[in-house]
Amino acid sequence: MSSSSGDNKIKVHEDVHMLAGKGGRSSGMGGFTLLEVIIAVAILGASLAILLGAVNKNLLMAARSKNLSIASSLAQQKMGEIELAGYPEVGEEQGVFEEAPGFNWYLTVLPYDIEQLGTEIRVVLLTVTWDEGQKEFTVATAISNYR
């Protein structure tokens, strides 16, 4: 009888350990330990930080690209106006683009003489700036008075 009661004590002791989760995961009571949850949250947090950084970088690049496209278009428009006005006078001018607030233009016209051509040439430098002059886009062309 003593062996039978000893077997019962061992059986009860094993059941208590299984219910307390000390007997491994084979008890059928699934779940995660606190350490596993902390590690998962840390991995998730690091992944989100990396993704948000990439999204922010893409937004900045899109804004830069947009402003560069606007500046290019404004420069092309202004250069067309200069060419249509005829042979430009030497000097400097500046102004703002009314249709694009925050964008300014600076024009420099320089003489350029090549005696072999027998004509005068003007070098036209046009700079479009934005972000309070921090960013700029410059184009240049040469216009002659040859007819």
N, C-alpha and C. Protein backbone atom coordinates (compact mmCIF):
# COMPACT_ATOMS: atom_id res chain seq x y z
N MET A 1 0.79 -1.17 0.00
CA MET A 1 0.00 0.00 0.00
C MET A 1 0.85 1.25 0.00
N SER A 2 1.99 1.13 0.60
CA SER A 2 2.86 2.30 0.65
C SER A 2 3.35 2.67 -0.74
N SER A 3 3.54 1.66 -1.59
CA SER A 3 3.97 2.01 -2.93
C SER A 3 2.85 2.66 -3.72
N SER A 4 1.61 2.30 -3.48
CA SER A 4 0.49 2.90 -4.16
C SER A 4 0.30 4.35 -3.74
N SER A 5 0.44 4.66 -2.47
CA SER A 5 0.28 6.05 -2.03
C SER A 5 1.46 6.88 -2.49
N GLY A 6 2.65 6.31 -2.61
CA GLY A 6 3.81 7.04 -3.12
C GLY A 6 3.64 7.38 -4.58
N ASP A 7 3.02 6.47 -5.34
CA ASP A 7 2.75 6.73 -6.76
C ASP A 7 1.75 7.85 -6.91
N ASN A 8 0.75 7.92 -6.04
CA ASN A 8 -0.24 8.98 -6.09
C ASN A 8 0.37 10.33 -5.80
N LYS A 9 1.31 10.38 -4.82
CA LYS A 9 1.97 11.64 -4.49
C LYS A 9 2.79 12.14 -5.67
N ILE A 10 3.48 11.25 -6.34
CA ILE A 10 4.28 11.63 -7.51
C ILE A 10 3.37 12.14 -8.62
N LYS A 11 2.24 11.47 -8.82
CA LYS A 11 1.29 11.85 -9.87
C LYS A 11 0.72 13.23 -9.56
N VAL A 12 0.33 13.49 -8.32
CA VAL A 12 -0.22 14.78 -7.93
C VAL A 12 0.84 15.86 -8.10
N HIS A 13 2.07 15.56 -7.71
CA HIS A 13 3.17 16.51 -7.83
C HIS A 13 3.42 16.87 -9.30
N GLU A 14 3.37 15.90 -10.21
CA GLU A 14 3.56 16.15 -11.65
C GLU A 14 2.42 17.00 -12.21
N ASP A 15 1.18 16.73 -11.76
CA ASP A 15 0.03 17.51 -12.23
C ASP A 15 0.13 18.97 -11.82
N VAL A 16 0.59 19.22 -10.61
CA VAL A 16 0.74 20.59 -10.12
C VAL A 16 1.78 21.33 -10.97
N HIS A 17 2.87 20.67 -11.28
CA HIS A 17 3.91 21.29 -12.11
C HIS A 17 3.39 21.59 -13.52
N MET A 18 2.59 20.71 -14.06
CA MET A 18 2.05 20.92 -15.41
C MET A 18 1.09 22.09 -15.42
N LEU A 19 0.24 22.22 -14.40
CA LEU A 19 -0.71 23.32 -14.32
C LEU A 19 0.00 24.66 -14.12
N ALA A 20 1.10 24.67 -13.43
CA ALA A 20 1.85 25.90 -13.17
C ALA A 20 2.71 26.29 -14.37
N GLY A 21 2.77 25.47 -15.39
CA GLY A 21 3.53 25.80 -16.58
C GLY A 21 5.00 25.43 -16.46
N LYS A 22 5.34 24.66 -15.44
CA LYS A 22 6.73 24.30 -15.23
C LYS A 22 7.08 23.01 -15.94
N GLY A 23 6.13 22.40 -16.53
CA GLY A 23 6.38 21.12 -17.15
C GLY A 23 6.63 21.23 -18.64
N GLY A 24 6.88 22.40 -19.17
CA GLY A 24 7.10 22.59 -20.60
C GLY A 24 5.81 22.98 -21.27
N ARG A 25 5.82 23.03 -22.59
CA ARG A 25 4.64 23.48 -23.34
C ARG A 25 3.76 22.31 -23.76
N SER A 26 4.10 21.16 -23.36
CA SER A 26 3.30 20.01 -23.77
C SER A 26 2.01 19.91 -22.99
N SER A 27 1.78 20.80 -22.03
CA SER A 27 0.57 20.74 -21.21
C SER A 27 -0.66 21.20 -21.96
N GLY A 28 -0.50 21.84 -23.12
CA GLY A 28 -1.65 22.30 -23.87
C GLY A 28 -2.00 23.75 -23.55
N MET A 29 -1.33 24.35 -22.61
CA MET A 29 -1.58 25.75 -22.25
C MET A 29 -0.55 26.60 -22.98
N GLY A 30 -0.88 27.01 -24.23
CA GLY A 30 0.05 27.78 -25.05
C GLY A 30 0.13 29.21 -24.58
N GLY A 31 1.18 29.89 -25.03
CA GLY A 31 1.35 31.30 -24.69
C GLY A 31 2.80 31.68 -24.85
N PHE A 32 3.07 32.95 -24.63
CA PHE A 32 4.42 33.45 -24.76
C PHE A 32 4.92 33.92 -23.41
N THR A 33 6.19 33.76 -23.21
CA THR A 33 6.78 34.28 -21.99
C THR A 33 6.98 35.78 -22.13
N LEU A 34 7.19 36.45 -21.03
CA LEU A 34 7.39 37.91 -21.03
C LEU A 34 8.61 38.27 -21.87
N LEU A 35 9.65 37.48 -21.79
CA LEU A 35 10.86 37.75 -22.56
C LEU A 35 10.59 37.67 -24.06
N GLU A 36 9.83 36.69 -24.48
CA GLU A 36 9.48 36.57 -25.90
C GLU A 36 8.67 37.76 -26.38
N VAL A 37 7.74 38.24 -25.58
CA VAL A 37 6.92 39.40 -25.94
C VAL A 37 7.79 40.65 -26.03
N ILE A 38 8.70 40.84 -25.09
CA ILE A 38 9.58 42.01 -25.10
C ILE A 38 10.47 42.00 -26.35
N ILE A 39 11.01 40.86 -26.70
CA ILE A 39 11.86 40.75 -27.89
C ILE A 39 11.04 41.03 -29.15
N ALA A 40 9.83 40.50 -29.23
CA ALA A 40 8.98 40.74 -30.40
C ALA A 40 8.64 42.22 -30.54
N VAL A 41 8.32 42.87 -29.41
CA VAL A 41 8.00 44.31 -29.45
C VAL A 41 9.23 45.11 -29.86
N ALA A 42 10.40 44.74 -29.39
CA ALA A 42 11.63 45.45 -29.76
C ALA A 42 11.91 45.31 -31.26
N ILE A 43 11.73 44.12 -31.80
CA ILE A 43 11.93 43.91 -33.24
C ILE A 43 10.92 44.71 -34.04
N LEU A 44 9.67 44.70 -33.61
CA LEU A 44 8.62 45.46 -34.30
C LEU A 44 8.92 46.96 -34.25
N GLY A 45 9.35 47.46 -33.10
CA GLY A 45 9.68 48.88 -32.96
C GLY A 45 10.83 49.28 -33.86
N ALA A 46 11.88 48.47 -33.92
CA ALA A 46 13.02 48.77 -34.78
C ALA A 46 12.61 48.75 -36.25
N SER A 47 11.77 47.80 -36.62
CA SER A 47 11.30 47.72 -38.01
C SER A 47 10.48 48.95 -38.39
N LEU A 48 9.60 49.38 -37.49
CA LEU A 48 8.78 50.56 -37.76
C LEU A 48 9.63 51.82 -37.87
N ALA A 49 10.64 51.94 -37.03
CA ALA A 49 11.53 53.10 -37.10
C ALA A 49 12.25 53.16 -38.44
N ILE A 50 12.71 52.03 -38.93
CA ILE A 50 13.39 51.98 -40.22
C ILE A 50 12.42 52.33 -41.35
N LEU A 51 11.21 51.78 -41.30
CA LEU A 51 10.22 52.06 -42.34
C LEU A 51 9.81 53.53 -42.35
N LEU A 52 9.59 54.11 -41.18
CA LEU A 52 9.22 55.52 -41.12
C LEU A 52 10.34 56.41 -41.63
N GLY A 53 11.58 56.05 -41.35
CA GLY A 53 12.72 56.80 -41.88
C GLY A 53 12.75 56.75 -43.39
N ALA A 54 12.49 55.59 -43.96
CA ALA A 54 12.48 55.45 -45.41
C ALA A 54 11.34 56.25 -46.04
N VAL A 55 10.17 56.23 -45.41
CA VAL A 55 9.03 57.00 -45.93
C VAL A 55 9.34 58.49 -45.89
N ASN A 56 9.92 58.95 -44.79
CA ASN A 56 10.27 60.36 -44.65
C ASN A 56 11.28 60.77 -45.71
N LYS A 57 12.26 59.94 -45.95
CA LYS A 57 13.27 60.24 -46.97
C LYS A 57 12.62 60.32 -48.36
N ASN A 58 11.70 59.42 -48.65
CA ASN A 58 11.01 59.44 -49.94
C ASN A 58 10.17 60.71 -50.10
N LEU A 59 9.53 61.15 -49.03
CA LEU A 59 8.74 62.38 -49.11
C LEU A 59 9.62 63.59 -49.38
N LEU A 60 10.78 63.64 -48.73
CA LEU A 60 11.72 64.75 -48.97
C LEU A 60 12.22 64.74 -50.41
N MET A 61 12.55 63.56 -50.91
CA MET A 61 13.03 63.45 -52.29
C MET A 61 11.94 63.85 -53.28
N ALA A 62 10.70 63.49 -53.00
CA ALA A 62 9.59 63.87 -53.88
C ALA A 62 9.41 65.39 -53.90
N ALA A 63 9.53 66.03 -52.74
CA ALA A 63 9.41 67.49 -52.68
C ALA A 63 10.54 68.17 -53.44
N ARG A 64 11.75 67.65 -53.30
CA ARG A 64 12.89 68.22 -54.03
C ARG A 64 12.70 68.07 -55.53
N SER A 65 12.26 66.90 -55.93
CA SER A 65 12.03 66.64 -57.35
C SER A 65 10.96 67.56 -57.91
N LYS A 66 9.89 67.75 -57.14
CA LYS A 66 8.81 68.63 -57.57
C LYS A 66 9.32 70.06 -57.75
N ASN A 67 10.07 70.57 -56.78
CA ASN A 67 10.59 71.93 -56.87
C ASN A 67 11.59 72.09 -58.01
N LEU A 68 12.39 71.06 -58.25
CA LEU A 68 13.33 71.12 -59.38
C LEU A 68 12.58 71.13 -60.71
N SER A 69 11.50 70.38 -60.81
CA SER A 69 10.69 70.39 -62.03
C SER A 69 10.03 71.75 -62.24
N ILE A 70 9.53 72.33 -61.15
CA ILE A 70 8.93 73.67 -61.26
C ILE A 70 9.98 74.68 -61.70
N ALA A 71 11.17 74.64 -61.09
CA ALA A 71 12.24 75.57 -61.44
C ALA A 71 12.65 75.42 -62.90
N SER A 72 12.74 74.19 -63.37
CA SER A 72 13.10 73.94 -64.76
C SER A 72 12.06 74.51 -65.71
N SER A 73 10.81 74.30 -65.39
CA SER A 73 9.74 74.82 -66.23
C SER A 73 9.73 76.35 -66.23
N LEU A 74 9.91 76.96 -65.07
CA LEU A 74 9.95 78.42 -64.99
C LEU A 74 11.14 79.00 -65.76
N ALA A 75 12.28 78.34 -65.67
CA ALA A 75 13.47 78.80 -66.40
C ALA A 75 13.24 78.71 -67.90
N GLN A 76 12.62 77.63 -68.35
CA GLN A 76 12.33 77.48 -69.78
C GLN A 76 11.37 78.58 -70.24
N GLN A 77 10.36 78.86 -69.44
CA GLN A 77 9.40 79.91 -69.78
C GLN A 77 10.09 81.28 -69.84
N LYS A 78 10.92 81.59 -68.85
CA LYS A 78 11.59 82.89 -68.81
C LYS A 78 12.59 83.02 -69.95
N MET A 79 13.30 81.95 -70.24
CA MET A 79 14.27 81.99 -71.34
C MET A 79 13.55 82.21 -72.67
N GLY A 80 12.38 81.62 -72.82
CA GLY A 80 11.58 81.86 -74.03
C GLY A 80 11.18 83.32 -74.16
N GLU A 81 10.79 83.93 -73.05
CA GLU A 81 10.44 85.36 -73.06
C GLU A 81 11.65 86.22 -73.47
N ILE A 82 12.81 85.86 -72.96
CA ILE A 82 14.03 86.63 -73.28
C ILE A 82 14.35 86.51 -74.76
N GLU A 83 14.27 85.31 -75.30
CA GLU A 83 14.57 85.10 -76.71
C GLU A 83 13.57 85.81 -77.61
N LEU A 84 12.29 85.81 -77.23
CA LEU A 84 11.27 86.49 -78.03
C LEU A 84 11.43 88.02 -77.99
N ALA A 85 12.01 88.54 -76.93
CA ALA A 85 12.20 89.98 -76.80
C ALA A 85 13.30 90.50 -77.73
N GLY A 86 14.07 89.61 -78.32
CA GLY A 86 15.12 90.03 -79.24
C GLY A 86 16.49 90.01 -78.59
N TYR A 87 17.39 90.75 -79.19
CA TYR A 87 18.77 90.78 -78.74
C TYR A 87 18.84 91.49 -77.38
N PRO A 88 19.28 90.78 -76.31
CA PRO A 88 19.23 91.37 -74.96
C PRO A 88 20.37 92.38 -74.71
N GLU A 89 20.08 93.33 -73.86
CA GLU A 89 21.08 94.31 -73.45
C GLU A 89 21.97 93.70 -72.36
N VAL A 90 23.24 94.11 -72.33
CA VAL A 90 24.16 93.66 -71.30
C VAL A 90 23.70 94.24 -69.96
N GLY A 91 23.72 93.42 -68.93
CA GLY A 91 23.34 93.88 -67.61
C GLY A 91 22.77 92.77 -66.76
N GLU A 92 22.19 93.18 -65.63
CA GLU A 92 21.60 92.23 -64.69
C GLU A 92 20.19 92.66 -64.34
N GLU A 93 19.34 91.68 -64.15
CA GLU A 93 17.95 91.91 -63.73
C GLU A 93 17.57 90.82 -62.76
N GLN A 94 16.51 91.09 -62.00
CA GLN A 94 15.97 90.05 -61.12
C GLN A 94 14.49 90.28 -60.93
N GLY A 95 13.81 89.24 -60.52
CA GLY A 95 12.38 89.35 -60.30
C GLY A 95 11.83 88.11 -59.63
N VAL A 96 10.54 88.10 -59.46
CA VAL A 96 9.85 86.96 -58.86
C VAL A 96 8.88 86.39 -59.87
N PHE A 97 8.60 85.14 -59.76
CA PHE A 97 7.60 84.50 -60.60
C PHE A 97 6.26 84.62 -59.88
N GLU A 98 5.38 85.41 -60.45
CA GLU A 98 4.06 85.63 -59.83
C GLU A 98 3.26 84.33 -59.78
N GLU A 99 3.41 83.47 -60.78
CA GLU A 99 2.64 82.23 -60.84
C GLU A 99 3.19 81.14 -59.92
N ALA A 100 4.38 81.37 -59.35
CA ALA A 100 4.98 80.38 -58.46
C ALA A 100 5.61 81.10 -57.26
N PRO A 101 4.81 81.35 -56.24
CA PRO A 101 5.34 82.05 -55.07
C PRO A 101 6.53 81.31 -54.45
N GLY A 102 7.52 82.07 -54.04
CA GLY A 102 8.71 81.46 -53.45
C GLY A 102 9.82 81.21 -54.45
N PHE A 103 9.54 81.39 -55.74
CA PHE A 103 10.55 81.20 -56.79
C PHE A 103 10.94 82.57 -57.34
N ASN A 104 12.24 82.82 -57.40
CA ASN A 104 12.78 84.09 -57.91
C ASN A 104 13.69 83.80 -59.09
N TRP A 105 13.95 84.84 -59.92
CA TRP A 105 14.87 84.67 -61.04
C TRP A 105 15.91 85.79 -61.02
N TYR A 106 17.09 85.44 -61.48
CA TYR A 106 18.22 86.37 -61.60
C TYR A 106 18.80 86.19 -62.99
N LEU A 107 18.89 87.28 -63.73
CA LEU A 107 19.33 87.25 -65.12
C LEU A 107 20.62 88.05 -65.25
N THR A 108 21.61 87.46 -65.89
CA THR A 108 22.86 88.15 -66.20
C THR A 108 23.12 88.00 -67.69
N VAL A 109 23.32 89.13 -68.38
CA VAL A 109 23.64 89.11 -69.81
C VAL A 109 25.04 89.67 -69.96
N LEU A 110 25.93 88.87 -70.57
CA LEU A 110 27.32 89.25 -70.75
C LEU A 110 27.66 89.32 -72.24
N PRO A 111 28.52 90.27 -72.64
CA PRO A 111 28.95 90.31 -74.04
C PRO A 111 29.99 89.22 -74.28
N TYR A 112 29.98 88.70 -75.49
CA TYR A 112 30.97 87.69 -75.86
C TYR A 112 31.30 87.94 -77.32
N ASP A 113 32.53 88.34 -77.55
CA ASP A 113 32.92 88.75 -78.90
C ASP A 113 33.84 87.72 -79.53
N ILE A 114 33.44 87.22 -80.67
CA ILE A 114 34.28 86.33 -81.47
C ILE A 114 34.46 87.03 -82.81
N GLU A 115 35.63 87.59 -83.03
CA GLU A 115 35.87 88.41 -84.22
C GLU A 115 35.69 87.63 -85.51
N GLN A 116 36.02 86.36 -85.50
CA GLN A 116 35.93 85.55 -86.72
C GLN A 116 34.49 85.40 -87.20
N LEU A 117 33.53 85.51 -86.30
CA LEU A 117 32.14 85.34 -86.69
C LEU A 117 31.56 86.61 -87.32
N GLY A 118 32.13 87.73 -86.98
CA GLY A 118 31.63 88.98 -87.52
C GLY A 118 30.30 89.40 -86.93
N THR A 119 29.98 88.93 -85.76
CA THR A 119 28.73 89.29 -85.09
C THR A 119 28.94 89.33 -83.58
N GLU A 120 28.08 90.04 -82.93
CA GLU A 120 28.16 90.08 -81.47
C GLU A 120 27.28 88.98 -80.89
N ILE A 121 27.73 88.47 -79.77
CA ILE A 121 26.99 87.40 -79.08
C ILE A 121 26.77 87.84 -77.64
N ARG A 122 25.63 87.51 -77.12
CA ARG A 122 25.33 87.75 -75.71
C ARG A 122 25.15 86.39 -75.03
N VAL A 123 25.86 86.22 -73.92
CA VAL A 123 25.69 85.02 -73.10
C VAL A 123 24.64 85.35 -72.03
N VAL A 124 23.59 84.57 -72.00
CA VAL A 124 22.48 84.81 -71.07
C VAL A 124 22.51 83.71 -70.01
N LEU A 125 22.68 84.14 -68.75
CA LEU A 125 22.67 83.22 -67.61
C LEU A 125 21.41 83.50 -66.79
N LEU A 126 20.60 82.50 -66.61
CA LEU A 126 19.36 82.64 -65.85
C LEU A 126 19.39 81.66 -64.68
N THR A 127 19.23 82.19 -63.49
CA THR A 127 19.21 81.35 -62.28
C THR A 127 17.85 81.50 -61.61
N VAL A 128 17.23 80.36 -61.35
CA VAL A 128 15.96 80.32 -60.62
C VAL A 128 16.28 79.80 -59.22
N THR A 129 15.80 80.53 -58.20
CA THR A 129 16.05 80.11 -56.82
C THR A 129 14.73 79.88 -56.09
N TRP A 130 14.80 79.03 -55.06
CA TRP A 130 13.66 78.78 -54.19
C TRP A 130 14.19 78.40 -52.82
N ASP A 131 13.31 78.15 -51.88
CA ASP A 131 13.69 77.91 -50.48
C ASP A 131 14.55 79.04 -49.95
N GLU A 132 14.07 80.28 -50.19
CA GLU A 132 14.73 81.50 -49.74
C GLU A 132 16.18 81.57 -50.24
N GLY A 133 16.38 81.16 -51.48
CA GLY A 133 17.70 81.25 -52.11
C GLY A 133 18.63 80.10 -51.78
N GLN A 134 18.17 79.14 -51.01
CA GLN A 134 19.04 78.01 -50.63
C GLN A 134 19.22 77.01 -51.77
N LYS A 135 18.23 76.92 -52.64
CA LYS A 135 18.30 76.00 -53.78
C LYS A 135 18.26 76.82 -55.05
N GLU A 136 18.98 76.34 -56.07
CA GLU A 136 18.97 77.08 -57.33
C GLU A 136 19.12 76.16 -58.53
N PHE A 137 18.66 76.67 -59.65
CA PHE A 137 18.72 75.98 -60.93
C PHE A 137 19.16 77.01 -61.96
N THR A 138 20.25 76.75 -62.68
CA THR A 138 20.81 77.73 -63.62
C THR A 138 20.83 77.15 -65.03
N VAL A 139 20.43 77.99 -65.99
CA VAL A 139 20.54 77.65 -67.40
C VAL A 139 21.27 78.78 -68.11
N ALA A 140 21.86 78.44 -69.23
CA ALA A 140 22.59 79.45 -70.01
C ALA A 140 22.35 79.22 -71.49
N THR A 141 22.42 80.31 -72.24
CA THR A 141 22.31 80.23 -73.69
C THR A 141 23.09 81.39 -74.28
N ALA A 142 23.30 81.31 -75.57
CA ALA A 142 23.97 82.40 -76.28
C ALA A 142 23.02 82.88 -77.38
N ILE A 143 22.92 84.22 -77.48
CA ILE A 143 22.04 84.82 -78.49
C ILE A 143 22.90 85.77 -79.32
N SER A 144 22.75 85.67 -80.64
CA SER A 144 23.51 86.58 -81.50
C SER A 144 22.59 87.56 -82.19
N ASN A 145 23.19 88.64 -82.70
CA ASN A 145 22.39 89.64 -83.42
C ASN A 145 22.52 89.45 -84.94
N TYR A 146 23.02 88.29 -85.34
CA TYR A 146 23.19 88.00 -86.77
C TYR A 146 21.82 87.82 -87.42
N ARG A 147 21.66 88.46 -88.57
CA ARG A 147 20.38 88.36 -89.30
C ARG A 147 20.60 87.78 -90.65
